[in-house]
């Protein structure tokens, strides 16, 4: 349902990876509570 908007999911694992991945093309940060 997120991808249906046309976005690309960018996968990271650590906070450092997240810091490097966030950029001018970042729309939002998705969080699945159960996970």
ModelCIF file with pLDDT and N, C-alpha, C, O atoms, coordinates in Angstrom:
data_MODEL
#
_entry.id   MODEL 
#
_entity.id                         1 
_entity.type                       polymer 
_entity.pdbx_number_of_molecules   1 
#
_entity_poly.entity_id                      1 
_entity_poly.type                           'polypeptide(L)' 
_entity_poly.nstd_linkage                   no 
_entity_poly.nstd_monomer                   no 
_entity_poly.pdbx_seq_one_letter_code       
;(UNK)(UNK)(UNK)(UNK)(UNK)(UNK)(UNK)(UNK)(UNK)(UNK)(UNK)(UNK)(UNK)(UNK)(UNK)(UNK)
(UNK)(UNK)(UNK)(UNK)(UNK)(UNK)(UNK)(UNK)(UNK)(UNK)(UNK)(UNK)(UNK)(UNK)(UNK)(UNK)
(UNK)(UNK)(UNK)
;
_entity_poly.pdbx_seq_one_letter_code_can   XXXXXXXXXXXXXXXXXXXXXXXXXXXXXXXXXXX 
_entity_poly.pdbx_strand_id                 A 
#
loop_
_entity_poly_seq.entity_id 
_entity_poly_seq.num 
_entity_poly_seq.mon_id 
_entity_poly_seq.hetero 
1 1  UNK n 
1 2  UNK n 
1 3  UNK n 
1 4  UNK n 
1 5  UNK n 
1 6  UNK n 
1 7  UNK n 
1 8  UNK n 
1 9  UNK n 
1 10 UNK n 
1 11 UNK n 
1 12 UNK n 
1 13 UNK n 
1 14 UNK n 
1 15 UNK n 
1 16 UNK n 
1 17 UNK n 
1 18 UNK n 
1 19 UNK n 
1 20 UNK n 
1 21 UNK n 
1 22 UNK n 
1 23 UNK n 
1 24 UNK n 
1 25 UNK n 
1 26 UNK n 
1 27 UNK n 
1 28 UNK n 
1 29 UNK n 
1 30 UNK n 
1 31 UNK n 
1 32 UNK n 
1 33 UNK n 
1 34 UNK n 
1 35 UNK n 
#
_struct_asym.id          A 
_struct_asym.entity_id   1 
#
loop_
_ma_qa_metric.id 
_ma_qa_metric.mode 
_ma_qa_metric.name 
_ma_qa_metric.software_group_id 
_ma_qa_metric.type 
1 global pLDDT . pLDDT 
2 local  pLDDT . pLDDT 
#
_ma_qa_metric_global.metric_id      1 
_ma_qa_metric_global.metric_value   97.63 
_ma_qa_metric_global.model_id       1 
_ma_qa_metric_global.ordinal_id     1 
#
loop_
_ma_qa_metric_local.label_asym_id 
_ma_qa_metric_local.label_comp_id 
_ma_qa_metric_local.label_seq_id 
_ma_qa_metric_local.metric_id 
_ma_qa_metric_local.metric_value 
_ma_qa_metric_local.model_id 
_ma_qa_metric_local.ordinal_id 
A UNK 1  2 98.00 1 1  
A UNK 2  2 98.00 1 2  
A UNK 3  2 98.00 1 3  
A UNK 4  2 98.00 1 4  
A UNK 5  2 98.00 1 5  
A UNK 6  2 98.00 1 6  
A UNK 7  2 98.00 1 7  
A UNK 8  2 98.00 1 8  
A UNK 9  2 98.00 1 9  
A UNK 10 2 98.00 1 10 
A UNK 11 2 98.00 1 11 
A UNK 12 2 98.00 1 12 
A UNK 13 2 98.00 1 13 
A UNK 14 2 98.00 1 14 
A UNK 15 2 97.00 1 15 
A UNK 16 2 97.00 1 16 
A UNK 17 2 98.00 1 17 
A UNK 18 2 97.00 1 18 
A UNK 19 2 96.00 1 19 
A UNK 20 2 97.00 1 20 
A UNK 21 2 98.00 1 21 
A UNK 22 2 97.00 1 22 
A UNK 23 2 96.00 1 23 
A UNK 24 2 97.00 1 24 
A UNK 25 2 97.00 1 25 
A UNK 26 2 98.00 1 26 
A UNK 27 2 98.00 1 27 
A UNK 28 2 98.00 1 28 
A UNK 29 2 98.00 1 29 
A UNK 30 2 98.00 1 30 
A UNK 31 2 98.00 1 31 
A UNK 32 2 98.00 1 32 
A UNK 33 2 98.00 1 33 
A UNK 34 2 97.00 1 34 
A UNK 35 2 97.00 1 35 
#
loop_
_atom_site.group_PDB 
_atom_site.id 
_atom_site.type_symbol 
_atom_site.label_atom_id 
_atom_site.label_alt_id 
_atom_site.label_comp_id 
_atom_site.label_asym_id 
_atom_site.label_entity_id 
_atom_site.label_seq_id 
_atom_site.pdbx_PDB_ins_code 
_atom_site.Cartn_x 
_atom_site.Cartn_y 
_atom_site.Cartn_z 
_atom_site.occupancy 
_atom_site.B_iso_or_equiv 
_atom_site.pdbx_formal_charge 
_atom_site.auth_seq_id 
_atom_site.auth_comp_id 
_atom_site.auth_asym_id 
_atom_site.auth_atom_id 
_atom_site.pdbx_PDB_model_num 
ATOM 1   N N  . UNK A 1 1  ? 0.827  -1.213 0.000  1.00 98.00 ? 1  UNK A N  1 
ATOM 2   C CA . UNK A 1 1  ? 0.000  0.000  0.000  1.00 98.00 ? 1  UNK A CA 1 
ATOM 3   C C  . UNK A 1 1  ? 0.856  1.255  0.000  1.00 98.00 ? 1  UNK A C  1 
ATOM 4   O O  . UNK A 1 1  ? 0.444  2.284  -0.536 1.00 98.00 ? 1  UNK A O  1 
ATOM 5   N N  . UNK A 1 2  ? 2.038  1.186  0.592  1.00 98.00 ? 2  UNK A N  1 
ATOM 6   C CA . UNK A 1 2  ? 2.983  2.298  0.550  1.00 98.00 ? 2  UNK A CA 1 
ATOM 7   C C  . UNK A 1 2  ? 3.560  2.418  -0.854 1.00 98.00 ? 2  UNK A C  1 
ATOM 8   O O  . UNK A 1 2  ? 3.614  3.505  -1.428 1.00 98.00 ? 2  UNK A O  1 
ATOM 9   N N  . UNK A 1 3  ? 3.993  1.273  -1.400 1.00 98.00 ? 3  UNK A N  1 
ATOM 10  C CA . UNK A 1 3  ? 4.621  1.257  -2.729 1.00 98.00 ? 3  UNK A CA 1 
ATOM 11  C C  . UNK A 1 3  ? 3.650  1.635  -3.842 1.00 98.00 ? 3  UNK A C  1 
ATOM 12  O O  . UNK A 1 3  ? 4.075  2.052  -4.919 1.00 98.00 ? 3  UNK A O  1 
ATOM 13  N N  . UNK A 1 4  ? 2.347  1.493  -3.589 1.00 98.00 ? 4  UNK A N  1 
ATOM 14  C CA . UNK A 1 4  ? 1.351  1.829  -4.611 1.00 98.00 ? 4  UNK A CA 1 
ATOM 15  C C  . UNK A 1 4  ? 1.394  3.296  -5.009 1.00 98.00 ? 4  UNK A C  1 
ATOM 16  O O  . UNK A 1 4  ? 0.899  3.663  -6.075 1.00 98.00 ? 4  UNK A O  1 
ATOM 17  N N  . UNK A 1 5  ? 1.981  4.141  -4.165 1.00 98.00 ? 5  UNK A N  1 
ATOM 18  C CA . UNK A 1 5  ? 2.100  5.565  -4.491 1.00 98.00 ? 5  UNK A CA 1 
ATOM 19  C C  . UNK A 1 5  ? 3.219  5.835  -5.490 1.00 98.00 ? 5  UNK A C  1 
ATOM 20  O O  . UNK A 1 5  ? 3.358  6.955  -5.981 1.00 98.00 ? 5  UNK A O  1 
ATOM 21  N N  . UNK A 1 6  ? 4.023  4.802  -5.795 1.00 98.00 ? 6  UNK A N  1 
ATOM 22  C CA . UNK A 1 6  ? 5.122  4.973  -6.741 1.00 98.00 ? 6  UNK A CA 1 
ATOM 23  C C  . UNK A 1 6  ? 6.479  5.117  -6.099 1.00 98.00 ? 6  UNK A C  1 
ATOM 24  O O  . UNK A 1 6  ? 7.479  5.281  -6.798 1.00 98.00 ? 6  UNK A O  1 
ATOM 25  N N  . UNK A 1 7  ? 6.538  5.057  -4.772 1.00 98.00 ? 7  UNK A N  1 
ATOM 26  C CA . UNK A 1 7  ? 7.813  5.243  -4.077 1.00 98.00 ? 7  UNK A CA 1 
ATOM 27  C C  . UNK A 1 7  ? 8.682  3.990  -4.149 1.00 98.00 ? 7  UNK A C  1 
ATOM 28  O O  . UNK A 1 7  ? 8.218  2.904  -4.498 1.00 98.00 ? 7  UNK A O  1 
ATOM 29  N N  . UNK A 1 8  ? 9.938  4.174  -3.813 1.00 98.00 ? 8  UNK A N  1 
ATOM 30  C CA . UNK A 1 8  ? 10.894 3.065  -3.698 1.00 98.00 ? 8  UNK A CA 1 
ATOM 31  C C  . UNK A 1 8  ? 11.248 2.904  -2.224 1.00 98.00 ? 8  UNK A C  1 
ATOM 32  O O  . UNK A 1 8  ? 11.581 3.877  -1.547 1.00 98.00 ? 8  UNK A O  1 
ATOM 33  N N  . UNK A 1 9  ? 11.174 1.657  -1.730 1.00 98.00 ? 9  UNK A N  1 
ATOM 34  C CA . UNK A 1 9  ? 11.520 1.391  -0.337 1.00 98.00 ? 9  UNK A CA 1 
ATOM 35  C C  . UNK A 1 9  ? 13.037 1.263  -0.213 1.00 98.00 ? 9  UNK A C  1 
ATOM 36  O O  . UNK A 1 9  ? 13.653 0.452  -0.904 1.00 98.00 ? 9  UNK A O  1 
ATOM 37  N N  . UNK A 1 10 ? 13.631 2.056  0.657  1.00 98.00 ? 10 UNK A N  1 
ATOM 38  C CA . UNK A 1 10 ? 15.077 2.021  0.889  1.00 98.00 ? 10 UNK A CA 1 
ATOM 39  C C  . UNK A 1 10 ? 15.322 1.318  2.220  1.00 98.00 ? 10 UNK A C  1 
ATOM 40  O O  . UNK A 1 10 ? 14.959 1.839  3.274  1.00 98.00 ? 10 UNK A O  1 
ATOM 41  N N  . UNK A 1 11 ? 15.931 0.145  2.176  1.00 98.00 ? 11 UNK A N  1 
ATOM 42  C CA . UNK A 1 11 ? 16.128 -0.658 3.382  1.00 98.00 ? 11 UNK A CA 1 
ATOM 43  C C  . UNK A 1 11 ? 17.437 -0.304 4.093  1.00 98.00 ? 11 UNK A C  1 
ATOM 44  O O  . UNK A 1 11 ? 18.491 -0.155 3.474  1.00 98.00 ? 11 UNK A O  1 
ATOM 45  N N  . UNK A 1 12 ? 17.325 -0.178 5.406  1.00 98.00 ? 12 UNK A N  1 
ATOM 46  C CA . UNK A 1 12 ? 18.519 0.031  6.244  1.00 98.00 ? 12 UNK A CA 1 
ATOM 47  C C  . UNK A 1 12 ? 18.371 -0.874 7.472  1.00 98.00 ? 12 UNK A C  1 
ATOM 48  O O  . UNK A 1 12 ? 17.304 -1.442 7.704  1.00 98.00 ? 12 UNK A O  1 
ATOM 49  N N  . UNK A 1 13 ? 19.450 -1.005 8.256  1.00 98.00 ? 13 UNK A N  1 
ATOM 50  C CA . UNK A 1 13 ? 19.372 -1.815 9.467  1.00 98.00 ? 13 UNK A CA 1 
ATOM 51  C C  . UNK A 1 13 ? 19.782 -1.051 10.712 1.00 98.00 ? 13 UNK A C  1 
ATOM 52  O O  . UNK A 1 13 ? 19.215 -1.280 11.780 1.00 98.00 ? 13 UNK A O  1 
ATOM 53  N N  . UNK A 1 14 ? 20.736 -0.163 10.613 1.00 98.00 ? 14 UNK A N  1 
ATOM 54  C CA . UNK A 1 14 ? 21.243 0.551  11.786 1.00 98.00 ? 14 UNK A CA 1 
ATOM 55  C C  . UNK A 1 14 ? 20.956 2.047  11.687 1.00 98.00 ? 14 UNK A C  1 
ATOM 56  O O  . UNK A 1 14 ? 20.612 2.564  10.624 1.00 98.00 ? 14 UNK A O  1 
ATOM 57  N N  . UNK A 1 15 ? 21.107 2.729  12.830 1.00 97.00 ? 15 UNK A N  1 
ATOM 58  C CA . UNK A 1 15 ? 20.905 4.178  12.846 1.00 97.00 ? 15 UNK A CA 1 
ATOM 59  C C  . UNK A 1 15 ? 21.928 4.887  11.970 1.00 97.00 ? 15 UNK A C  1 
ATOM 60  O O  . UNK A 1 15 ? 21.606 5.884  11.323 1.00 97.00 ? 15 UNK A O  1 
ATOM 61  N N  . UNK A 1 16 ? 23.161 4.380  11.942 1.00 97.00 ? 16 UNK A N  1 
ATOM 62  C CA . UNK A 1 16 ? 24.186 4.977  11.079 1.00 97.00 ? 16 UNK A CA 1 
ATOM 63  C C  . UNK A 1 16 ? 23.800 4.851  9.613  1.00 97.00 ? 16 UNK A C  1 
ATOM 64  O O  . UNK A 1 16 ? 23.973 5.794  8.841  1.00 97.00 ? 16 UNK A O  1 
ATOM 65  N N  . UNK A 1 17 ? 23.281 3.698  9.228  1.00 98.00 ? 17 UNK A N  1 
ATOM 66  C CA . UNK A 1 17 ? 22.839 3.500  7.844  1.00 98.00 ? 17 UNK A CA 1 
ATOM 67  C C  . UNK A 1 17 ? 21.680 4.441  7.524  1.00 98.00 ? 17 UNK A C  1 
ATOM 68  O O  . UNK A 1 17 ? 21.602 4.986  6.423  1.00 98.00 ? 17 UNK A O  1 
ATOM 69  N N  . UNK A 1 18 ? 20.793 4.628  8.479  1.00 97.00 ? 18 UNK A N  1 
ATOM 70  C CA . UNK A 1 18 ? 19.668 5.535  8.266  1.00 97.00 ? 18 UNK A CA 1 
ATOM 71  C C  . UNK A 1 18 ? 20.147 6.962  8.051  1.00 97.00 ? 18 UNK A C  1 
ATOM 72  O O  . UNK A 1 18 ? 19.660 7.662  7.163  1.00 97.00 ? 18 UNK A O  1 
ATOM 73  N N  . UNK A 1 19 ? 21.093 7.387  8.859  1.00 96.00 ? 19 UNK A N  1 
ATOM 74  C CA . UNK A 1 19 ? 21.654 8.739  8.722  1.00 96.00 ? 19 UNK A CA 1 
ATOM 75  C C  . UNK A 1 19 ? 22.203 8.960  7.315  1.00 96.00 ? 19 UNK A C  1 
ATOM 76  O O  . UNK A 1 19 ? 22.001 10.019 6.719  1.00 96.00 ? 19 UNK A O  1 
ATOM 77  N N  . UNK A 1 20 ? 22.898 7.950  6.790  1.00 97.00 ? 20 UNK A N  1 
ATOM 78  C CA . UNK A 1 20 ? 23.496 8.085  5.448  1.00 97.00 ? 20 UNK A CA 1 
ATOM 79  C C  . UNK A 1 20 ? 22.445 7.999  4.345  1.00 97.00 ? 20 UNK A C  1 
ATOM 80  O O  . UNK A 1 20 ? 22.606 8.595  3.280  1.00 97.00 ? 20 UNK A O  1 
ATOM 81  N N  . UNK A 1 21 ? 21.368 7.256  4.605  1.00 98.00 ? 21 UNK A N  1 
ATOM 82  C CA . UNK A 1 21 ? 20.363 7.034  3.557  1.00 98.00 ? 21 UNK A CA 1 
ATOM 83  C C  . UNK A 1 21 ? 19.393 8.200  3.401  1.00 98.00 ? 21 UNK A C  1 
ATOM 84  O O  . UNK A 1 21 ? 18.860 8.425  2.314  1.00 98.00 ? 21 UNK A O  1 
ATOM 85  N N  . UNK A 1 22 ? 19.163 8.942  4.486  1.00 97.00 ? 22 UNK A N  1 
ATOM 86  C CA . UNK A 1 22 ? 18.223 10.064 4.412  1.00 97.00 ? 22 UNK A CA 1 
ATOM 87  C C  . UNK A 1 22 ? 18.819 11.167 3.535  1.00 97.00 ? 22 UNK A C  1 
ATOM 88  O O  . UNK A 1 22 ? 19.965 11.581 3.708  1.00 97.00 ? 22 UNK A O  1 
ATOM 89  N N  . UNK A 1 23 ? 18.002 11.625 2.592  1.00 96.00 ? 23 UNK A N  1 
ATOM 90  C CA . UNK A 1 23 ? 18.490 12.652 1.682  1.00 96.00 ? 23 UNK A CA 1 
ATOM 91  C C  . UNK A 1 23 ? 17.355 13.450 1.090  1.00 96.00 ? 23 UNK A C  1 
ATOM 92  O O  . UNK A 1 23 ? 16.225 13.360 1.570  1.00 96.00 ? 23 UNK A O  1 
ATOM 93  N N  . UNK A 1 24 ? 17.623 14.230 0.060  1.00 97.00 ? 24 UNK A N  1 
ATOM 94  C CA . UNK A 1 24 ? 16.604 15.108 -0.536 1.00 97.00 ? 24 UNK A CA 1 
ATOM 95  C C  . UNK A 1 24 ? 15.448 14.361 -1.180 1.00 97.00 ? 24 UNK A C  1 
ATOM 96  O O  . UNK A 1 24 ? 14.395 14.951 -1.425 1.00 97.00 ? 24 UNK A O  1 
ATOM 97  N N  . UNK A 1 25 ? 15.628 13.043 -1.466 1.00 97.00 ? 25 UNK A N  1 
ATOM 98  C CA . UNK A 1 25 ? 14.549 12.265 -2.089 1.00 97.00 ? 25 UNK A CA 1 
ATOM 99  C C  . UNK A 1 25 ? 13.697 11.512 -1.068 1.00 97.00 ? 25 UNK A C  1 
ATOM 100 O O  . UNK A 1 25 ? 12.744 10.830 -1.443 1.00 97.00 ? 25 UNK A O  1 
ATOM 101 N N  . UNK A 1 26 ? 14.032 11.631 0.221  1.00 98.00 ? 26 UNK A N  1 
ATOM 102 C CA . UNK A 1 26 ? 13.322 10.870 1.253  1.00 98.00 ? 26 UNK A CA 1 
ATOM 103 C C  . UNK A 1 26 ? 11.947 11.485 1.518  1.00 98.00 ? 26 UNK A C  1 
ATOM 104 O O  . UNK A 1 26 ? 11.833 12.646 1.912  1.00 98.00 ? 26 UNK A O  1 
ATOM 105 N N  . UNK A 1 27 ? 10.917 10.684 1.295  1.00 98.00 ? 27 UNK A N  1 
ATOM 106 C CA . UNK A 1 27 ? 9.527  11.114 1.483  1.00 98.00 ? 27 UNK A CA 1 
ATOM 107 C C  . UNK A 1 27 ? 9.110  10.961 2.940  1.00 98.00 ? 27 UNK A C  1 
ATOM 108 O O  . UNK A 1 27 ? 8.560  11.882 3.543  1.00 98.00 ? 27 UNK A O  1 
ATOM 109 N N  . UNK A 1 28 ? 9.383  9.775  3.496  1.00 98.00 ? 28 UNK A N  1 
ATOM 110 C CA . UNK A 1 28 ? 8.951  9.468  4.857  1.00 98.00 ? 28 UNK A CA 1 
ATOM 111 C C  . UNK A 1 28 ? 9.770  8.310  5.391  1.00 98.00 ? 28 UNK A C  1 
ATOM 112 O O  . UNK A 1 28 ? 10.543 7.687  4.664  1.00 98.00 ? 28 UNK A O  1 
ATOM 113 N N  . UNK A 1 29 ? 9.588  8.032  6.676  1.00 98.00 ? 29 UNK A N  1 
ATOM 114 C CA . UNK A 1 29 ? 10.259 6.913  7.327  1.00 98.00 ? 29 UNK A CA 1 
ATOM 115 C C  . UNK A 1 29 ? 9.180  5.997  7.891  1.00 98.00 ? 29 UNK A C  1 
ATOM 116 O O  . UNK A 1 29 ? 8.444  6.372  8.804  1.00 98.00 ? 29 UNK A O  1 
ATOM 117 N N  . UNK A 1 30 ? 9.095  4.781  7.331  1.00 98.00 ? 30 UNK A N  1 
ATOM 118 C CA . UNK A 1 30 ? 8.010  3.858  7.670  1.00 98.00 ? 30 UNK A CA 1 
ATOM 119 C C  . UNK A 1 30 ? 8.419  2.937  8.811  1.00 98.00 ? 30 UNK A C  1 
ATOM 120 O O  . UNK A 1 30 ? 9.550  2.454  8.855  1.00 98.00 ? 30 UNK A O  1 
ATOM 121 N N  . UNK A 1 31 ? 7.483  2.697  9.741  1.00 98.00 ? 31 UNK A N  1 
ATOM 122 C CA . UNK A 1 31 ? 7.767  1.881  10.926 1.00 98.00 ? 31 UNK A CA 1 
ATOM 123 C C  . UNK A 1 31 ? 6.607  0.922  11.153 1.00 98.00 ? 31 UNK A C  1 
ATOM 124 O O  . UNK A 1 31 ? 5.462  1.350  11.291 1.00 98.00 ? 31 UNK A O  1 
ATOM 125 N N  . UNK A 1 32 ? 6.906  -0.394 11.191 1.00 98.00 ? 32 UNK A N  1 
ATOM 126 C CA . UNK A 1 32 ? 5.895  -1.415 11.451 1.00 98.00 ? 32 UNK A CA 1 
ATOM 127 C C  . UNK A 1 32 ? 5.980  -1.796 12.926 1.00 98.00 ? 32 UNK A C  1 
ATOM 128 O O  . UNK A 1 32 ? 6.942  -2.438 13.347 1.00 98.00 ? 32 UNK A O  1 
ATOM 129 N N  . UNK A 1 33 ? 4.988  -1.408 13.703 1.00 98.00 ? 33 UNK A N  1 
ATOM 130 C CA . UNK A 1 33 ? 5.073  -1.527 15.163 1.00 98.00 ? 33 UNK A CA 1 
ATOM 131 C C  . UNK A 1 33 ? 5.309  -2.956 15.637 1.00 98.00 ? 33 UNK A C  1 
ATOM 132 O O  . UNK A 1 33 ? 6.071  -3.171 16.580 1.00 98.00 ? 33 UNK A O  1 
ATOM 133 N N  . UNK A 1 34 ? 4.678  -3.927 15.007 1.00 97.00 ? 34 UNK A N  1 
ATOM 134 C CA . UNK A 1 34 ? 4.853  -5.318 15.426 1.00 97.00 ? 34 UNK A CA 1 
ATOM 135 C C  . UNK A 1 34 ? 6.299  -5.782 15.266 1.00 97.00 ? 34 UNK A C  1 
ATOM 136 O O  . UNK A 1 34 ? 6.734  -6.701 15.959 1.00 97.00 ? 34 UNK A O  1 
ATOM 137 N N  . UNK A 1 35 ? 7.041  -5.156 14.363 1.00 97.00 ? 35 UNK A N  1 
ATOM 138 C CA . UNK A 1 35 ? 8.418  -5.568 14.088 1.00 97.00 ? 35 UNK A CA 1 
ATOM 139 C C  . UNK A 1 35 ? 9.431  -4.871 14.979 1.00 97.00 ? 35 UNK A C  1 
ATOM 140 O O  . UNK A 1 35 ? 10.631 -5.120 14.861 1.00 97.00 ? 35 UNK A O  1 
#
